[in-house]
Amino acid sequence: MERLIGSLRREYLNHLIVFNESSLRHTLKLYFDYYHGARTHLSLEKDAPETRPVHPPELGSVVELPEVGGLHHRYERRAA
């Protein structure tokens, strides 16, 4: 739990201003969706808890997809 709270503070909460409880709940949902679906974890051999497919180079060029309101990014291959 300490590791999760530390990651949350360093990677997210230190970079934004929270105005009210509703705002905090919304931003935490965005972060946890990112944390489970896109963020790499060393203990999972640089995979996310929700496993992602490996995209071969034949799928096209790499594109940047903003996550958590643009604070973090995810990269995928997409056909042109």
N, C-alpha and C. Protein backbone atom coordinates (compact mmCIF):
# COMPACT_ATOMS: atom_id res chain seq x y z
N MET A 1 0.82 -1.19 0.00
CA MET A 1 0.00 0.00 0.00
C MET A 1 0.87 1.25 0.00
N GLU A 2 1.97 1.21 0.75
CA GLU A 2 2.85 2.37 0.79
C GLU A 2 3.43 2.67 -0.59
N ARG A 3 3.76 1.65 -1.35
CA ARG A 3 4.32 1.84 -2.68
C ARG A 3 3.29 2.49 -3.60
N LEU A 4 2.04 2.05 -3.52
CA LEU A 4 0.98 2.63 -4.35
C LEU A 4 0.77 4.10 -4.00
N ILE A 5 0.69 4.41 -2.71
CA ILE A 5 0.48 5.80 -2.29
C ILE A 5 1.66 6.67 -2.71
N GLY A 6 2.88 6.15 -2.59
CA GLY A 6 4.06 6.90 -3.02
C GLY A 6 4.03 7.18 -4.51
N SER A 7 3.68 6.17 -5.32
CA SER A 7 3.57 6.36 -6.77
C SER A 7 2.49 7.38 -7.09
N LEU A 8 1.37 7.28 -6.43
CA LEU A 8 0.27 8.21 -6.66
C LEU A 8 0.69 9.65 -6.37
N ARG A 9 1.39 9.85 -5.28
CA ARG A 9 1.82 11.21 -4.92
C ARG A 9 2.88 11.72 -5.88
N ARG A 10 3.93 10.91 -6.16
CA ARG A 10 5.03 11.37 -7.01
C ARG A 10 4.60 11.58 -8.46
N GLU A 11 3.82 10.64 -8.99
CA GLU A 11 3.50 10.67 -10.41
C GLU A 11 2.27 11.51 -10.74
N TYR A 12 1.46 11.84 -9.74
CA TYR A 12 0.20 12.48 -10.09
C TYR A 12 -0.15 13.67 -9.20
N LEU A 13 -0.35 13.42 -7.91
CA LEU A 13 -0.87 14.49 -7.04
C LEU A 13 0.09 15.66 -6.87
N ASN A 14 1.39 15.44 -7.01
CA ASN A 14 2.34 16.54 -6.90
C ASN A 14 2.29 17.47 -8.11
N HIS A 15 1.54 17.09 -9.15
CA HIS A 15 1.52 17.86 -10.40
C HIS A 15 0.19 18.54 -10.69
N LEU A 16 -0.73 18.55 -9.73
CA LEU A 16 -2.01 19.18 -9.99
C LEU A 16 -2.56 19.81 -8.73
N ILE A 17 -3.54 20.66 -8.95
CA ILE A 17 -4.24 21.32 -7.84
C ILE A 17 -5.64 20.73 -7.77
N VAL A 18 -6.01 20.24 -6.59
CA VAL A 18 -7.33 19.66 -6.38
C VAL A 18 -8.23 20.72 -5.77
N PHE A 19 -9.38 20.96 -6.39
CA PHE A 19 -10.28 22.01 -5.93
C PHE A 19 -11.32 21.53 -4.94
N ASN A 20 -11.81 20.31 -5.12
CA ASN A 20 -12.84 19.79 -4.22
C ASN A 20 -12.84 18.27 -4.27
N GLU A 21 -13.68 17.64 -3.48
CA GLU A 21 -13.73 16.19 -3.40
C GLU A 21 -14.14 15.57 -4.73
N SER A 22 -15.08 16.17 -5.41
CA SER A 22 -15.54 15.65 -6.70
C SER A 22 -14.40 15.65 -7.72
N SER A 23 -13.63 16.72 -7.75
CA SER A 23 -12.48 16.82 -8.64
C SER A 23 -11.45 15.74 -8.31
N LEU A 24 -11.18 15.54 -7.03
CA LEU A 24 -10.22 14.53 -6.60
C LEU A 24 -10.70 13.14 -7.00
N ARG A 25 -11.96 12.83 -6.78
CA ARG A 25 -12.48 11.51 -7.15
C ARG A 25 -12.36 11.26 -8.65
N HIS A 26 -12.66 12.26 -9.45
CA HIS A 26 -12.57 12.12 -10.90
C HIS A 26 -11.12 11.88 -11.33
N THR A 27 -10.19 12.68 -10.81
CA THR A 27 -8.80 12.53 -11.20
C THR A 27 -8.21 11.22 -10.68
N LEU A 28 -8.62 10.76 -9.51
CA LEU A 28 -8.14 9.47 -9.01
C LEU A 28 -8.63 8.33 -9.89
N LYS A 29 -9.86 8.41 -10.38
CA LYS A 29 -10.36 7.37 -11.29
C LYS A 29 -9.52 7.32 -12.56
N LEU A 30 -9.20 8.50 -13.12
CA LEU A 30 -8.35 8.54 -14.31
C LEU A 30 -6.98 7.91 -14.03
N TYR A 31 -6.40 8.25 -12.87
CA TYR A 31 -5.08 7.71 -12.55
C TYR A 31 -5.15 6.19 -12.36
N PHE A 32 -6.15 5.68 -11.65
CA PHE A 32 -6.21 4.24 -11.42
C PHE A 32 -6.49 3.47 -12.70
N ASP A 33 -7.25 4.06 -13.63
CA ASP A 33 -7.42 3.42 -14.94
C ASP A 33 -6.08 3.33 -15.65
N TYR A 34 -5.30 4.39 -15.59
CA TYR A 34 -3.96 4.40 -16.17
C TYR A 34 -3.04 3.40 -15.44
N TYR A 35 -3.09 3.40 -14.13
CA TYR A 35 -2.21 2.56 -13.30
C TYR A 35 -2.43 1.08 -13.61
N HIS A 36 -3.68 0.68 -13.79
CA HIS A 36 -3.98 -0.74 -14.03
C HIS A 36 -3.90 -1.12 -15.50
N GLY A 37 -4.13 -0.18 -16.40
CA GLY A 37 -4.22 -0.53 -17.81
C GLY A 37 -3.03 -0.19 -18.66
N ALA A 38 -2.21 0.78 -18.26
CA ALA A 38 -1.13 1.22 -19.14
C ALA A 38 0.23 1.34 -18.44
N ARG A 39 0.27 1.66 -17.18
CA ARG A 39 1.54 1.90 -16.49
C ARG A 39 2.30 0.58 -16.34
N THR A 40 3.59 0.62 -16.66
CA THR A 40 4.41 -0.59 -16.53
C THR A 40 4.81 -0.79 -15.07
N HIS A 41 4.91 -2.05 -14.68
CA HIS A 41 5.30 -2.44 -13.32
C HIS A 41 6.48 -3.39 -13.42
N LEU A 42 7.56 -3.08 -12.72
CA LEU A 42 8.74 -3.93 -12.77
C LEU A 42 8.44 -5.34 -12.25
N SER A 43 7.60 -5.45 -11.23
CA SER A 43 7.29 -6.77 -10.67
C SER A 43 6.50 -7.63 -11.64
N LEU A 44 5.92 -7.03 -12.68
CA LEU A 44 5.15 -7.77 -13.70
C LEU A 44 5.94 -7.85 -15.01
N GLU A 45 7.26 -7.73 -14.91
CA GLU A 45 8.15 -7.78 -16.08
C GLU A 45 7.77 -6.70 -17.09
N LYS A 46 7.59 -5.49 -16.60
CA LYS A 46 7.25 -4.29 -17.39
C LYS A 46 5.94 -4.42 -18.15
N ASP A 47 4.98 -5.12 -17.57
CA ASP A 47 3.64 -5.20 -18.12
C ASP A 47 2.71 -4.49 -17.14
N ALA A 48 1.48 -4.25 -17.56
CA ALA A 48 0.47 -3.65 -16.70
C ALA A 48 -0.36 -4.76 -16.06
N PRO A 49 -1.03 -4.50 -14.93
CA PRO A 49 -1.88 -5.53 -14.33
C PRO A 49 -2.93 -6.07 -15.30
N GLU A 50 -3.48 -5.22 -16.15
CA GLU A 50 -4.37 -5.69 -17.21
C GLU A 50 -3.48 -5.87 -18.44
N THR A 51 -3.16 -7.11 -18.75
CA THR A 51 -2.19 -7.42 -19.80
C THR A 51 -2.56 -6.77 -21.12
N ARG A 52 -1.53 -6.28 -21.80
CA ARG A 52 -1.70 -5.62 -23.09
C ARG A 52 -1.10 -6.49 -24.19
N PRO A 53 -1.65 -6.43 -25.39
CA PRO A 53 -1.07 -7.21 -26.49
C PRO A 53 0.23 -6.57 -26.97
N VAL A 54 1.11 -7.41 -27.51
CA VAL A 54 2.35 -6.92 -28.11
C VAL A 54 2.04 -6.60 -29.57
N HIS A 55 2.39 -5.39 -29.99
CA HIS A 55 2.11 -4.96 -31.36
C HIS A 55 3.36 -5.14 -32.22
N PRO A 56 3.30 -6.00 -33.24
CA PRO A 56 4.45 -6.18 -34.12
C PRO A 56 4.64 -4.95 -35.02
N PRO A 57 5.84 -4.75 -35.54
CA PRO A 57 6.12 -3.59 -36.39
C PRO A 57 5.22 -3.51 -37.63
N GLU A 58 4.67 -4.62 -38.08
CA GLU A 58 3.82 -4.62 -39.27
C GLU A 58 2.52 -3.83 -39.06
N LEU A 59 2.15 -3.56 -37.83
CA LEU A 59 0.91 -2.84 -37.57
C LEU A 59 0.99 -1.36 -37.91
N GLY A 60 2.16 -0.85 -38.12
CA GLY A 60 2.28 0.56 -38.49
C GLY A 60 3.22 1.31 -37.58
N SER A 61 3.14 2.63 -37.65
CA SER A 61 4.04 3.47 -36.86
C SER A 61 3.53 3.63 -35.43
N VAL A 62 4.42 4.06 -34.58
CA VAL A 62 4.11 4.25 -33.17
C VAL A 62 3.44 5.62 -32.99
N VAL A 63 2.33 5.63 -32.27
CA VAL A 63 1.64 6.89 -31.98
C VAL A 63 1.56 7.08 -30.47
N GLU A 64 1.52 8.34 -30.07
CA GLU A 64 1.47 8.71 -28.66
C GLU A 64 0.01 8.95 -28.27
N LEU A 65 -0.43 8.32 -27.18
CA LEU A 65 -1.80 8.49 -26.70
C LEU A 65 -1.75 9.08 -25.29
N PRO A 66 -2.32 10.27 -25.10
CA PRO A 66 -2.29 10.88 -23.76
C PRO A 66 -3.14 10.11 -22.77
N GLU A 67 -2.66 10.00 -21.56
CA GLU A 67 -3.37 9.35 -20.46
C GLU A 67 -3.42 10.34 -19.30
N VAL A 68 -4.40 10.22 -18.46
CA VAL A 68 -4.54 11.02 -17.24
C VAL A 68 -4.46 12.51 -17.57
N GLY A 69 -5.25 12.92 -18.55
CA GLY A 69 -5.29 14.33 -18.91
C GLY A 69 -4.01 14.86 -19.53
N GLY A 70 -3.21 13.99 -20.12
CA GLY A 70 -1.97 14.41 -20.76
C GLY A 70 -0.76 14.39 -19.86
N LEU A 71 -0.92 14.05 -18.59
CA LEU A 71 0.20 14.01 -17.65
C LEU A 71 1.13 12.84 -17.97
N HIS A 72 0.57 11.73 -18.41
CA HIS A 72 1.34 10.56 -18.82
C HIS A 72 0.94 10.20 -20.25
N HIS A 73 1.72 9.34 -20.89
CA HIS A 73 1.43 8.94 -22.26
C HIS A 73 1.60 7.43 -22.42
N ARG A 74 0.85 6.88 -23.34
CA ARG A 74 0.94 5.47 -23.71
C ARG A 74 1.27 5.44 -25.19
N TYR A 75 2.04 4.44 -25.62
CA TYR A 75 2.45 4.36 -27.00
C TYR A 75 1.96 3.05 -27.60
N GLU A 76 1.36 3.13 -28.78
CA GLU A 76 0.87 1.95 -29.49
C GLU A 76 1.22 2.08 -30.96
N ARG A 77 1.18 0.96 -31.63
CA ARG A 77 1.35 0.97 -33.08
C ARG A 77 -0.02 1.07 -33.71
N ARG A 78 -0.15 1.92 -34.71
CA ARG A 78 -1.41 2.09 -35.42
C ARG A 78 -1.15 2.11 -36.90
N ALA A 79 -2.06 1.52 -37.67
CA ALA A 79 -1.95 1.55 -39.13
C ALA A 79 -2.18 2.97 -39.62
N ALA A 80 -1.46 3.32 -40.66
CA ALA A 80 -1.58 4.69 -41.20
C ALA A 80 -2.88 4.95 -41.89
